[in-house]
Amino acid sequence: MLFASFAFAAMGAAVKLASSTYSTSEIVMYRGLIGTVMLLIMVKHQGLSLRTVFIKDHLWRSFVGVVSLWMWFFAIGKLPLATAVTLNYMAPIWIAAFLFCAGWWRAKDHVEWPLVLAVIMSFVGVTLVLQPAIASNQWLGGVVGLLSSVMSAMAYMQVRRLGQLGEPEFRVVFYFSAMTASAGLAGTLLEGRGAAVPLFTAHSLHSAALLLAIGVSALFAQIAMTRAYRIGKVLVVANLQYTGIVFSSLWGMLLWGDKFTWTVWLGMAVILVSGIAATFYNTRSTPRGAAVSKTDPIASEL
C-alpha cells in the first residue's frame, strides 16, 4: 500500500500539471485509456484471460469508483483543494465504521480498537497537514466531497470482495480502467467546445508525456492497491493510505516550492506514526502462518 500511495501521489502531481492544458473529462479519459491499453497488451502477451463470472461485482466496483472520482473532481472545483482532499481521505473512517457495524451486527467481540484508533489519528494528521476550511456558501461542495469519500469506501470494500472471490488484480483494474475511459469520453462529448474549438485538446510532447505519466502511475497504483486490499487487513491498508498525503506534500515541495508550517510537519509525523503503529500491531496480533477464514470474511477484516 505504501507503493500505491506513492504512485497515486505521483499521479496527482501529474494531474495538477496537466490540468492547465486538458479538461477534467479528458484527463479522466486518458487515465483510463492508457491503463486499459497497457493491460490488454499484458494480457495478450502472457496469455491471460479477461473472462469473468463476476460481471455484476466488477460493474459495481467500477461504477462506485468512477462516481467517486467525478464527485471528487466536482468538490475540488467548489472547495479549497485542502478541504476537498481532506474530505476524500475520510474513506478509511467510513471503512472502519462499516466494519465495526458489521462486527456488532454479527455479534462478534473481536473489534480491534487499536486499529480503529490508528485510522482516526491518521485523519487528525490529515487535517493538520491540509488545514481545511469550508465557507458558508460552499455547503454543496462539502456535501458532494463527503459523499465522494463514502463512495470511495464502498469501492475499496468491493475491491476486497473481488479479491476474496479469487479475481486477479489485473482483471479488477482492467474493468475499472475501461469504465473510467468510457466515462471520461462521455464527459468530454457532453461538455463539447463549440464549432470553433476542437473537441479534443491538441497534444504537445510535454503534455503527452504528462498524460502518459498519469496513466502509467495510475495503473501501477491501482494494481498495488488492489493487491493490498486483497491480501492485507483492511484497516491497516486503509490507514497506510494516509501516507499519500505525505508523498503529495513532498511532491509539492519539489515541484512548486511549497513551504510548510510546524502544524503540517506535526500532521505528517502523526500520519507516519499511526501507520507504523497499525502495521506493528497487526504483525503482533496475527499468529505466524494464520489462515484467513473464507467462511467469515468480516472476521478477517477486523
Protein backbone atom coordinates (compact mmCIF):
# COMPACT_ATOMS: atom_id res chain seq x y z
CA MET A 1 0.00 0.00 0.00
CA LEU A 2 2.94 2.33 0.55
CA PHE A 3 3.91 1.95 -3.11
CA ALA A 4 0.31 2.54 -4.17
CA SER A 5 0.18 5.74 -2.10
CA PHE A 6 3.43 6.95 -3.65
CA ALA A 7 2.17 6.18 -7.17
CA PHE A 8 -1.17 7.90 -6.53
CA ALA A 9 0.69 10.96 -5.25
CA ALA A 10 2.84 10.99 -8.38
CA MET A 11 -0.32 10.72 -10.47
CA GLY A 12 -1.85 13.64 -8.58
CA ALA A 13 1.20 15.80 -9.28
CA ALA A 14 0.98 14.95 -12.99
CA VAL A 15 -2.76 15.70 -12.99
CA LYS A 16 -2.11 19.12 -11.45
CA LEU A 17 0.46 19.87 -14.14
CA ALA A 18 -1.78 18.59 -16.94
CA SER A 19 -4.90 20.41 -15.72
CA SER A 20 -3.67 23.67 -17.24
CA THR A 21 -3.85 22.03 -20.70
CA TYR A 22 -6.64 19.44 -20.57
CA SER A 23 -10.16 19.42 -19.18
CA THR A 24 -11.05 17.18 -16.27
CA SER A 25 -13.00 14.83 -18.54
CA GLU A 26 -10.07 14.45 -20.91
CA ILE A 27 -7.69 13.65 -18.05
CA VAL A 28 -10.11 11.04 -16.72
CA MET A 29 -10.48 9.57 -20.22
CA TYR A 30 -6.75 9.33 -20.93
CA ARG A 31 -6.05 7.97 -17.47
CA GLY A 32 -8.42 5.07 -18.08
CA LEU A 33 -7.48 4.60 -21.75
CA ILE A 34 -3.75 4.24 -21.13
CA GLY A 35 -4.33 1.71 -18.35
CA THR A 36 -6.76 -0.28 -20.48
CA VAL A 37 -4.39 -0.48 -23.46
CA MET A 38 -1.42 -1.47 -21.29
CA LEU A 39 -3.42 -4.21 -19.60
CA LEU A 40 -4.70 -5.52 -22.95
CA ILE A 41 -1.11 -5.80 -24.20
CA MET A 42 -0.04 -7.57 -20.99
CA VAL A 43 -2.96 -9.99 -21.10
CA LYS A 44 -2.29 -10.91 -24.73
CA HIS A 45 1.46 -11.26 -24.20
CA GLN A 46 1.10 -13.50 -21.16
CA GLY A 47 -1.85 -15.49 -22.47
CA LEU A 48 -4.15 -14.44 -19.64
CA SER A 49 -7.92 -14.14 -19.76
CA LEU A 50 -10.26 -11.25 -19.03
CA ARG A 51 -13.30 -13.51 -18.84
CA THR A 52 -15.09 -13.41 -15.51
CA VAL A 53 -18.18 -14.87 -13.89
CA PHE A 54 -18.42 -11.90 -11.52
CA ILE A 55 -19.67 -9.33 -14.01
CA LYS A 56 -22.07 -7.66 -11.56
CA ASP A 57 -19.33 -7.30 -8.93
CA HIS A 58 -16.96 -5.69 -11.46
CA LEU A 59 -19.68 -3.35 -12.71
CA TRP A 60 -20.50 -2.26 -9.17
CA ARG A 61 -16.82 -1.70 -8.27
CA SER A 62 -16.27 0.29 -11.48
CA PHE A 63 -19.46 2.30 -11.06
CA VAL A 64 -18.83 3.42 -7.47
CA GLY A 65 -15.18 4.11 -8.29
CA VAL A 66 -15.98 6.31 -11.28
CA VAL A 67 -18.79 8.13 -9.46
CA SER A 68 -16.44 8.78 -6.53
CA LEU A 69 -13.84 10.17 -8.94
CA TRP A 70 -16.34 12.52 -10.58
CA MET A 71 -17.68 13.70 -7.20
CA TRP A 72 -14.17 14.42 -6.01
CA PHE A 73 -13.39 16.49 -9.10
CA PHE A 74 -16.65 18.41 -8.56
CA ALA A 75 -15.71 19.07 -4.93
CA ILE A 76 -12.25 20.29 -5.99
CA GLY A 77 -13.97 22.82 -8.26
CA LYS A 78 -16.24 24.09 -5.47
CA LEU A 79 -13.95 23.91 -2.43
CA PRO A 80 -10.40 24.83 -1.46
CA LEU A 81 -8.16 21.98 -2.58
CA ALA A 82 -7.11 21.19 1.01
CA THR A 83 -10.73 20.77 2.07
CA ALA A 84 -11.64 18.57 -0.91
CA VAL A 85 -8.65 16.29 -0.35
CA THR A 86 -9.37 16.02 3.38
CA LEU A 87 -12.98 15.03 2.75
CA ASN A 88 -11.90 12.41 0.20
CA TYR A 89 -9.45 10.95 2.72
CA MET A 90 -12.32 10.23 5.09
CA ALA A 91 -12.84 6.95 3.19
CA PRO A 92 -10.87 4.88 5.76
CA ILE A 93 -13.09 6.31 8.51
CA TRP A 94 -16.17 5.01 6.68
CA ILE A 95 -14.45 1.63 6.18
CA ALA A 96 -13.74 1.42 9.91
CA ALA A 97 -17.33 2.40 10.70
CA PHE A 98 -18.70 -0.19 8.28
CA LEU A 99 -16.53 -2.97 9.69
CA PHE A 100 -17.41 -2.01 13.25
CA CYS A 101 -21.14 -2.07 12.48
CA ALA A 102 -20.79 -5.36 10.60
CA GLY A 103 -18.97 -6.92 13.54
CA TRP A 104 -21.54 -5.60 16.01
CA TRP A 105 -24.42 -6.83 13.82
CA ARG A 106 -22.91 -10.31 13.71
CA ALA A 107 -22.35 -10.22 17.47
CA LYS A 108 -18.59 -10.53 17.09
CA ASP A 109 -16.47 -9.46 20.02
CA HIS A 110 -13.26 -9.00 18.07
CA VAL A 111 -13.29 -5.33 17.03
CA GLU A 112 -9.64 -4.29 17.20
CA TRP A 113 -9.86 -0.83 18.73
CA PRO A 114 -6.13 -0.02 18.31
CA LEU A 115 -6.59 -0.19 14.53
CA VAL A 116 -9.73 1.96 14.65
CA LEU A 117 -7.86 4.50 16.82
CA ALA A 118 -4.94 4.48 14.37
CA VAL A 119 -7.28 5.33 11.48
CA ILE A 120 -8.85 8.18 13.45
CA MET A 121 -5.43 9.54 14.44
CA SER A 122 -4.33 9.42 10.81
CA PHE A 123 -7.32 11.58 9.85
CA VAL A 124 -6.33 14.03 12.61
CA GLY A 125 -2.91 14.14 10.96
CA VAL A 126 -4.52 14.80 7.59
CA THR A 127 -6.44 17.79 8.95
CA LEU A 128 -3.22 19.18 10.47
CA VAL A 129 -1.45 18.85 7.11
CA LEU A 130 -4.24 20.25 4.94
CA GLN A 131 -5.90 22.62 7.46
CA PRO A 132 -9.29 22.54 5.71
CA ALA A 133 -11.98 25.18 5.93
CA ILE A 134 -15.45 25.45 4.42
CA ALA A 135 -17.22 28.78 3.94
CA SER A 136 -20.95 29.05 4.49
CA ASN A 137 -21.65 29.27 0.75
CA GLN A 138 -19.68 26.08 -0.02
CA TRP A 139 -22.01 23.59 1.62
CA LEU A 140 -22.89 21.87 -1.69
CA GLY A 141 -19.25 21.14 -2.49
CA GLY A 142 -18.74 19.93 1.07
CA VAL A 143 -21.67 17.51 0.87
CA VAL A 144 -20.51 16.17 -2.51
CA GLY A 145 -16.94 15.79 -1.22
CA LEU A 146 -18.23 13.88 1.78
CA LEU A 147 -20.32 11.60 -0.45
CA SER A 148 -17.21 11.05 -2.57
CA SER A 149 -15.42 9.59 0.44
CA VAL A 150 -18.39 7.29 1.14
CA MET A 151 -18.32 6.06 -2.46
CA SER A 152 -14.55 5.56 -2.23
CA ALA A 153 -15.01 3.41 0.86
CA MET A 154 -17.61 1.32 -0.98
CA ALA A 155 -15.20 0.92 -3.91
CA TYR A 156 -12.37 -0.23 -1.64
CA MET A 157 -14.60 -2.76 0.08
CA GLN A 158 -15.73 -4.06 -3.30
CA VAL A 159 -12.09 -4.40 -4.34
CA ARG A 160 -11.58 -6.50 -1.22
CA ARG A 161 -14.61 -8.63 -2.07
CA LEU A 162 -13.40 -9.28 -5.62
CA GLY A 163 -10.04 -10.35 -4.22
CA GLN A 164 -11.73 -12.78 -1.86
CA LEU A 165 -13.71 -14.17 -4.80
CA GLY A 166 -10.39 -15.00 -6.44
CA GLU A 167 -10.28 -12.30 -9.11
CA PRO A 168 -6.68 -11.38 -10.07
CA GLU A 169 -5.56 -7.78 -9.75
CA PHE A 170 -5.16 -7.20 -13.50
CA ARG A 171 -8.79 -8.16 -14.17
CA VAL A 172 -10.18 -5.89 -11.45
CA VAL A 173 -8.09 -2.94 -12.63
CA PHE A 174 -8.88 -3.59 -16.31
CA TYR A 175 -12.64 -3.28 -15.93
CA PHE A 176 -12.27 -0.17 -13.75
CA SER A 177 -9.88 1.42 -16.27
CA ALA A 178 -12.22 0.63 -19.16
CA MET A 179 -15.19 2.22 -17.41
CA THR A 180 -13.08 5.23 -16.40
CA ALA A 181 -12.08 5.76 -20.04
CA SER A 182 -15.71 5.42 -21.16
CA ALA A 183 -16.93 7.87 -18.52
CA GLY A 184 -14.22 10.36 -19.43
CA LEU A 185 -15.10 10.11 -23.12
CA ALA A 186 -18.79 10.60 -22.36
CA GLY A 187 -17.99 13.64 -20.25
CA THR A 188 -15.81 15.13 -22.97
CA LEU A 189 -18.53 14.63 -25.59
CA LEU A 190 -21.21 16.12 -23.32
CA GLU A 191 -19.11 19.15 -22.46
CA GLY A 192 -18.42 19.99 -26.12
CA ARG A 193 -16.48 23.08 -27.08
CA GLY A 194 -18.44 24.66 -29.88
CA ALA A 195 -17.79 24.60 -33.60
CA ALA A 196 -14.76 26.89 -33.43
CA VAL A 197 -12.89 24.82 -30.83
CA PRO A 198 -11.71 21.22 -31.38
CA LEU A 199 -13.44 18.61 -29.22
CA PHE A 200 -10.14 17.19 -28.01
CA THR A 201 -7.15 19.25 -26.94
CA ALA A 202 -4.12 19.07 -29.24
CA HIS A 203 -1.07 17.35 -27.78
CA SER A 204 2.45 18.59 -27.37
CA LEU A 205 5.42 16.41 -26.41
CA HIS A 206 5.28 17.78 -22.86
CA SER A 207 1.52 17.37 -22.41
CA ALA A 208 1.54 13.88 -23.93
CA ALA A 209 4.31 12.89 -21.51
CA LEU A 210 2.18 14.13 -18.62
CA LEU A 211 -0.80 12.06 -19.80
CA LEU A 212 1.45 9.00 -20.09
CA ALA A 213 2.75 9.61 -16.57
CA ILE A 214 -0.82 9.87 -15.28
CA GLY A 215 -1.91 6.66 -16.98
CA VAL A 216 1.14 4.59 -16.02
CA SER A 217 1.28 5.76 -12.39
CA ALA A 218 -2.48 5.25 -12.00
CA LEU A 219 -2.23 1.73 -13.43
CA PHE A 220 0.56 0.61 -11.12
CA ALA A 221 -1.10 2.33 -8.16
CA GLN A 222 -4.41 0.58 -8.84
CA ILE A 223 -2.75 -2.83 -9.16
CA ALA A 224 -0.77 -2.35 -5.94
CA MET A 225 -3.81 -1.02 -4.08
CA THR A 226 -6.00 -3.88 -5.31
CA ARG A 227 -3.45 -6.45 -4.17
CA ALA A 228 -3.07 -4.72 -0.79
CA TYR A 229 -6.82 -4.83 -0.12
CA ARG A 230 -6.97 -8.44 -1.30
CA ILE A 231 -4.26 -9.89 0.93
CA GLY A 232 -3.96 -7.36 3.76
CA LYS A 233 -6.06 -6.44 6.78
CA VAL A 234 -8.48 -3.74 5.65
CA LEU A 235 -7.95 -1.24 8.47
CA VAL A 236 -4.16 -1.49 8.24
CA VAL A 237 -4.25 -0.99 4.46
CA ALA A 238 -6.72 1.90 4.79
CA ASN A 239 -4.54 3.54 7.42
CA LEU A 240 -1.38 3.26 5.32
CA GLN A 241 -3.32 5.01 2.56
CA TYR A 242 -2.96 8.24 4.55
CA THR A 243 0.76 8.29 3.71
CA GLY A 244 -0.34 9.59 0.31
CA ILE A 245 -0.76 12.99 1.98
CA VAL A 246 2.91 12.93 2.97
CA PHE A 247 4.03 11.93 -0.52
CA SER A 248 1.79 14.61 -2.07
CA SER A 249 3.26 17.24 0.24
CA LEU A 250 6.78 16.21 -0.76
CA TRP A 251 5.83 16.49 -4.45
CA GLY A 252 4.53 19.99 -3.68
CA MET A 253 7.86 20.95 -2.14
CA LEU A 254 9.80 19.53 -5.09
CA LEU A 255 7.70 20.88 -7.97
CA TRP A 256 6.06 24.04 -6.64
CA GLY A 257 8.31 25.06 -3.75
CA ASP A 258 5.57 24.64 -1.15
CA LYS A 259 6.59 25.64 2.37
CA PHE A 260 5.03 24.10 5.48
CA THR A 261 4.33 25.33 8.98
CA TRP A 262 5.05 23.34 12.14
CA THR A 263 1.45 22.07 12.19
CA VAL A 264 1.96 20.49 8.77
CA TRP A 265 5.12 18.71 9.90
CA LEU A 266 3.29 17.58 13.05
CA GLY A 267 0.48 16.20 10.91
CA MET A 268 2.95 14.26 8.76
CA ALA A 269 4.51 12.81 11.90
CA VAL A 270 1.10 11.74 13.22
CA ILE A 271 0.27 10.04 9.92
CA LEU A 272 3.56 8.15 9.79
CA VAL A 273 3.49 7.13 13.46
CA SER A 274 -0.08 5.87 13.31
CA GLY A 275 0.68 3.94 10.12
CA ILE A 276 3.75 2.33 11.70
CA ALA A 277 1.80 1.57 14.88
CA ALA A 278 -1.04 -0.06 12.96
CA THR A 279 1.37 -2.21 10.98
CA PHE A 280 3.31 -3.19 14.13
CA TYR A 281 0.09 -4.07 15.95
CA ASN A 282 -1.10 -6.16 13.02
CA THR A 283 2.14 -8.17 12.86
CA ARG A 284 2.00 -8.86 16.60
CA SER A 285 -1.73 -9.69 16.74
CA THR A 286 -1.68 -12.07 13.74
CA PRO A 287 -0.22 -15.50 14.57
CA ARG A 288 2.54 -16.70 12.28
CA GLY A 289 1.05 -18.81 9.50
CA ALA A 290 -2.53 -17.92 10.44
CA ALA A 291 -5.05 -18.52 7.67
CA VAL A 292 -7.85 -16.18 6.69
CA SER A 293 -11.30 -17.62 7.23
CA LYS A 294 -13.24 -17.97 4.00
CA THR A 295 -16.50 -18.63 5.77
CA ASP A 296 -16.47 -15.41 7.78
CA PRO A 297 -14.84 -12.64 5.74
CA ILE A 298 -15.88 -9.95 8.22
CA ALA A 299 -13.89 -11.67 10.93
CA SER A 300 -10.77 -11.37 8.82
CA GLU A 301 -11.29 -7.62 8.35
CA LEU A 302 -11.46 -6.57 11.99
